[in-house]
């Protein structure tokens, strides 16, 4: 029988902790990276609520921004935001890196990440505005215009997204579109953006994506 792993290794695996919510697209992005890099089993998930009207005061000493995801490392160091956590996990895992080395490919991946991440931000702000007793129609109209522009830009970019490999930019875009499906399942974006829909279908079929489905709980 093989010897068990050293106690230090077991402790390390137990102590990487992620402040987490199954509803957050930013958390999902981190967990997709964790699965892609073979690290999901090393992360303990700590359910954490950080709504604007319901901050988690216990989180503030670890992350003064009070946001998730927040990753607590075995030595007690805390990492945030999601991009920093993703790059940290990318450096730990095995297999092809999700962050290209310095150069044009990295800039392209980070540009795509910014688009996907910004889309997530916008969708969350839109949902917050819609939840107000008297939503501002002007703000919602602005969100609608920006959403249309993002989807048009991604439709034009879909042939390049479909190239070989996976990187942090594609993960960010894929998670943003999945969050759109989660919160607005009847918005019908696919009918107007068939190339993007085809790309997202392949993204959604990845085991790392299927293992991190949103749950409204």
Protein backbone atom coordinates (compact mmCIF):
# COMPACT_ATOMS: atom_id res chain seq x y z
CA UNK A 1 0.00 0.00 0.00
CA UNK A 2 1.44 3.40 -0.94
CA UNK A 3 2.33 5.73 1.90
CA UNK A 4 -0.14 8.56 2.59
CA UNK A 5 0.93 12.07 1.58
CA UNK A 6 2.92 13.99 4.17
CA UNK A 7 0.90 15.82 6.81
CA UNK A 8 2.07 19.17 5.44
CA UNK A 9 0.68 18.33 2.02
CA UNK A 10 -2.65 17.29 3.49
CA UNK A 11 -2.82 20.51 5.52
CA UNK A 12 -2.08 22.59 2.43
CA UNK A 13 -4.91 20.92 0.56
CA UNK A 14 -7.32 21.61 3.39
CA UNK A 15 -6.39 25.23 3.91
CA UNK A 16 -6.89 26.88 0.51
CA UNK A 17 -10.29 28.48 1.10
CA UNK A 18 -12.49 30.42 -1.30
CA UNK A 19 -15.23 32.81 -0.23
CA UNK A 20 -17.81 31.70 -2.73
CA UNK A 21 -21.35 31.89 -4.07
CA UNK A 22 -22.94 29.63 -6.66
CA UNK A 23 -24.65 32.71 -8.13
CA UNK A 24 -21.54 34.78 -8.83
CA UNK A 25 -20.11 34.79 -12.37
CA UNK A 26 -16.77 35.99 -10.98
CA UNK A 27 -16.60 33.03 -8.61
CA UNK A 28 -17.57 30.73 -11.46
CA UNK A 29 -14.69 32.07 -13.55
CA UNK A 30 -12.29 31.21 -10.73
CA UNK A 31 -13.74 27.73 -10.32
CA UNK A 32 -13.57 27.04 -14.07
CA UNK A 33 -9.87 27.90 -13.91
CA UNK A 34 -9.48 25.67 -10.83
CA UNK A 35 -11.05 22.72 -12.65
CA UNK A 36 -9.07 23.34 -15.83
CA UNK A 37 -5.84 23.38 -13.80
CA UNK A 38 -6.71 20.32 -11.71
CA UNK A 39 -7.00 22.27 -8.45
CA UNK A 40 -10.71 22.12 -7.59
CA UNK A 41 -10.22 19.46 -4.93
CA UNK A 42 -7.71 21.69 -3.13
CA UNK A 43 -10.21 24.50 -2.61
CA UNK A 44 -12.61 24.58 0.31
CA UNK A 45 -15.62 26.68 -0.62
CA UNK A 46 -16.99 29.05 2.02
CA UNK A 47 -20.54 30.27 1.19
CA UNK A 48 -20.49 34.05 1.50
CA UNK A 49 -23.19 36.67 0.86
CA UNK A 50 -21.95 40.10 -0.22
CA UNK A 51 -25.04 41.86 -1.57
CA UNK A 52 -24.95 45.67 -1.51
CA UNK A 53 -27.62 45.74 1.18
CA UNK A 54 -26.25 42.70 3.00
CA UNK A 55 -22.45 42.95 3.34
CA UNK A 56 -20.54 40.21 5.11
CA UNK A 57 -18.80 42.14 7.87
CA UNK A 58 -16.71 39.10 8.80
CA UNK A 59 -15.13 39.18 5.34
CA UNK A 60 -13.89 42.78 5.61
CA UNK A 61 -10.73 42.00 7.64
CA UNK A 62 -9.66 39.63 4.84
CA UNK A 63 -10.90 41.71 1.92
CA UNK A 64 -11.65 45.34 2.78
CA UNK A 65 -13.61 45.64 -0.47
CA UNK A 66 -16.04 43.05 0.87
CA UNK A 67 -16.27 41.23 -2.44
CA UNK A 68 -16.17 37.67 -3.67
CA UNK A 69 -14.28 35.72 -4.80
CA UNK A 70 -11.71 36.05 -2.04
CA UNK A 71 -9.07 33.32 -1.75
CA UNK A 72 -7.31 32.59 1.54
CA UNK A 73 -3.99 30.79 1.01
CA UNK A 74 -2.52 28.18 3.36
CA UNK A 75 -0.19 30.77 4.91
CA UNK A 76 -3.07 33.17 5.59
CA UNK A 77 -2.35 35.55 2.69
CA UNK A 78 -5.56 36.72 1.02
CA UNK A 79 -5.95 37.24 -2.72
CA UNK A 80 -8.55 39.27 -4.62
CA UNK A 81 -9.98 40.08 -7.18
CA UNK A 82 -10.97 37.26 -9.57
CA UNK A 83 -8.25 37.95 -12.15
CA UNK A 84 -5.50 37.86 -9.51
CA UNK A 85 -6.91 34.61 -8.10
CA UNK A 86 -7.12 33.07 -11.57
CA UNK A 87 -3.50 33.92 -12.36
CA UNK A 88 -2.37 32.53 -9.00
CA UNK A 89 -4.20 29.25 -9.64
CA UNK A 90 -2.83 29.12 -13.17
CA UNK A 91 0.68 29.17 -11.71
CA UNK A 92 -0.11 26.27 -9.37
CA UNK A 93 -1.83 23.88 -11.75
CA UNK A 94 -0.64 21.57 -14.47
CA UNK A 95 -1.21 21.48 -18.22
CA UNK A 96 -1.36 24.34 -20.74
CA UNK A 97 -1.33 27.75 -19.10
CA UNK A 98 -4.49 29.85 -19.32
CA UNK A 99 -2.40 33.05 -19.22
CA UNK A 100 -0.15 33.44 -22.28
CA UNK A 101 3.37 34.77 -21.71
CA UNK A 102 4.13 38.45 -22.26
CA UNK A 103 3.45 39.47 -25.83
CA UNK A 104 0.55 39.96 -28.26
CA UNK A 105 -1.26 36.75 -27.25
CA UNK A 106 -1.33 37.82 -23.61
CA UNK A 107 -2.61 41.30 -24.44
CA UNK A 108 -5.33 39.74 -26.58
CA UNK A 109 -6.35 37.35 -23.79
CA UNK A 110 -6.44 40.19 -21.26
CA UNK A 111 -8.44 42.40 -23.63
CA UNK A 112 -11.02 39.65 -23.99
CA UNK A 113 -10.99 39.15 -20.26
CA UNK A 114 -11.72 42.85 -19.76
CA UNK A 115 -14.69 42.63 -22.14
CA UNK A 116 -16.13 39.54 -20.45
CA UNK A 117 -15.47 40.87 -16.96
CA UNK A 118 -16.99 44.24 -17.81
CA UNK A 119 -20.04 42.48 -19.21
CA UNK A 120 -20.43 40.60 -15.91
CA UNK A 121 -20.19 43.87 -13.99
CA UNK A 122 -22.82 45.44 -16.20
CA UNK A 123 -25.22 42.51 -15.83
CA UNK A 124 -24.91 42.57 -12.05
CA UNK A 125 -25.55 46.33 -11.95
CA UNK A 126 -28.52 45.91 -14.25
CA UNK A 127 -29.99 43.22 -12.01
CA UNK A 128 -29.51 45.48 -8.98
CA UNK A 129 -31.29 48.36 -10.72
CA UNK A 130 -34.15 46.09 -11.80
CA UNK A 131 -34.56 45.00 -8.18
CA UNK A 132 -35.22 48.54 -6.96
CA UNK A 133 -38.79 49.54 -6.13
CA UNK A 134 -38.67 52.20 -8.86
CA UNK A 135 -35.97 51.33 -11.43
CA UNK A 136 -34.66 54.21 -13.50
CA UNK A 137 -35.73 53.56 -17.10
CA UNK A 138 -32.85 55.66 -18.41
CA UNK A 139 -30.31 53.45 -16.65
CA UNK A 140 -31.98 50.28 -17.92
CA UNK A 141 -32.06 51.66 -21.47
CA UNK A 142 -28.35 52.40 -21.17
CA UNK A 143 -27.67 48.84 -20.06
CA UNK A 144 -29.69 47.52 -23.00
CA UNK A 145 -27.67 49.58 -25.47
CA UNK A 146 -24.38 48.42 -23.96
CA UNK A 147 -25.51 44.77 -23.90
CA UNK A 148 -26.42 44.95 -27.59
CA UNK A 149 -23.02 46.46 -28.39
CA UNK A 150 -21.16 43.77 -26.42
CA UNK A 151 -23.04 40.95 -28.11
CA UNK A 152 -22.44 42.46 -31.54
CA UNK A 153 -18.73 42.77 -30.81
CA UNK A 154 -18.56 39.17 -29.60
CA UNK A 155 -20.46 37.92 -32.62
CA UNK A 156 -17.84 39.55 -34.86
CA UNK A 157 -15.10 37.99 -32.77
CA UNK A 158 -16.62 34.51 -32.57
CA UNK A 159 -14.55 33.00 -35.41
CA UNK A 160 -11.35 33.90 -33.55
CA UNK A 161 -12.76 32.68 -30.24
CA UNK A 162 -13.25 29.31 -31.89
CA UNK A 163 -9.51 28.86 -32.41
CA UNK A 164 -7.56 26.15 -30.61
CA UNK A 165 -6.92 26.23 -26.89
CA UNK A 166 -8.47 28.03 -23.95
CA UNK A 167 -7.32 31.16 -22.15
CA UNK A 168 -8.53 33.53 -19.47
CA UNK A 169 -10.20 35.77 -22.06
CA UNK A 170 -12.36 33.00 -23.46
CA UNK A 171 -13.23 31.83 -19.95
CA UNK A 172 -14.33 35.33 -18.95
CA UNK A 173 -16.51 35.75 -22.04
CA UNK A 174 -17.99 32.28 -21.67
CA UNK A 175 -18.86 32.85 -18.02
CA UNK A 176 -20.45 36.21 -18.81
CA UNK A 177 -22.70 34.63 -21.43
CA UNK A 178 -23.58 31.80 -19.04
CA UNK A 179 -24.57 34.37 -16.42
CA UNK A 180 -26.77 36.11 -18.99
CA UNK A 181 -28.49 32.75 -19.56
CA UNK A 182 -28.82 32.20 -15.81
CA UNK A 183 -30.46 35.51 -14.97
CA UNK A 184 -32.23 36.26 -18.27
CA UNK A 185 -33.03 32.82 -19.73
CA UNK A 186 -35.59 34.24 -22.17
CA UNK A 187 -33.56 37.14 -23.58
CA UNK A 188 -33.04 35.26 -26.87
CA UNK A 189 -29.52 36.49 -27.64
CA UNK A 190 -28.64 33.37 -29.63
CA UNK A 191 -31.06 34.00 -32.48
CA UNK A 192 -29.30 37.27 -33.37
CA UNK A 193 -25.77 35.98 -32.76
CA UNK A 194 -25.49 32.48 -34.24
CA UNK A 195 -21.69 32.33 -34.46
CA UNK A 196 -21.33 33.37 -30.83
CA UNK A 197 -24.04 30.89 -29.83
CA UNK A 198 -22.16 28.08 -31.57
CA UNK A 199 -18.94 28.98 -29.79
CA UNK A 200 -20.67 29.18 -26.42
CA UNK A 201 -22.26 25.79 -26.94
CA UNK A 202 -18.79 24.27 -27.17
CA UNK A 203 -17.59 26.25 -24.16
CA UNK A 204 -20.58 25.14 -22.08
CA UNK A 205 -19.85 21.50 -22.90
CA UNK A 206 -16.44 21.56 -21.22
CA UNK A 207 -16.33 19.49 -18.01
CA UNK A 208 -14.99 22.49 -16.07
CA UNK A 209 -18.03 24.54 -17.07
CA UNK A 210 -20.54 21.79 -16.43
CA UNK A 211 -19.02 21.25 -12.97
CA UNK A 212 -19.60 24.90 -12.03
CA UNK A 213 -23.22 25.51 -13.03
CA UNK A 214 -24.96 28.45 -11.38
CA UNK A 215 -27.47 27.53 -8.67
CA UNK A 216 -29.88 30.14 -7.34
CA UNK A 217 -29.60 29.08 -3.71
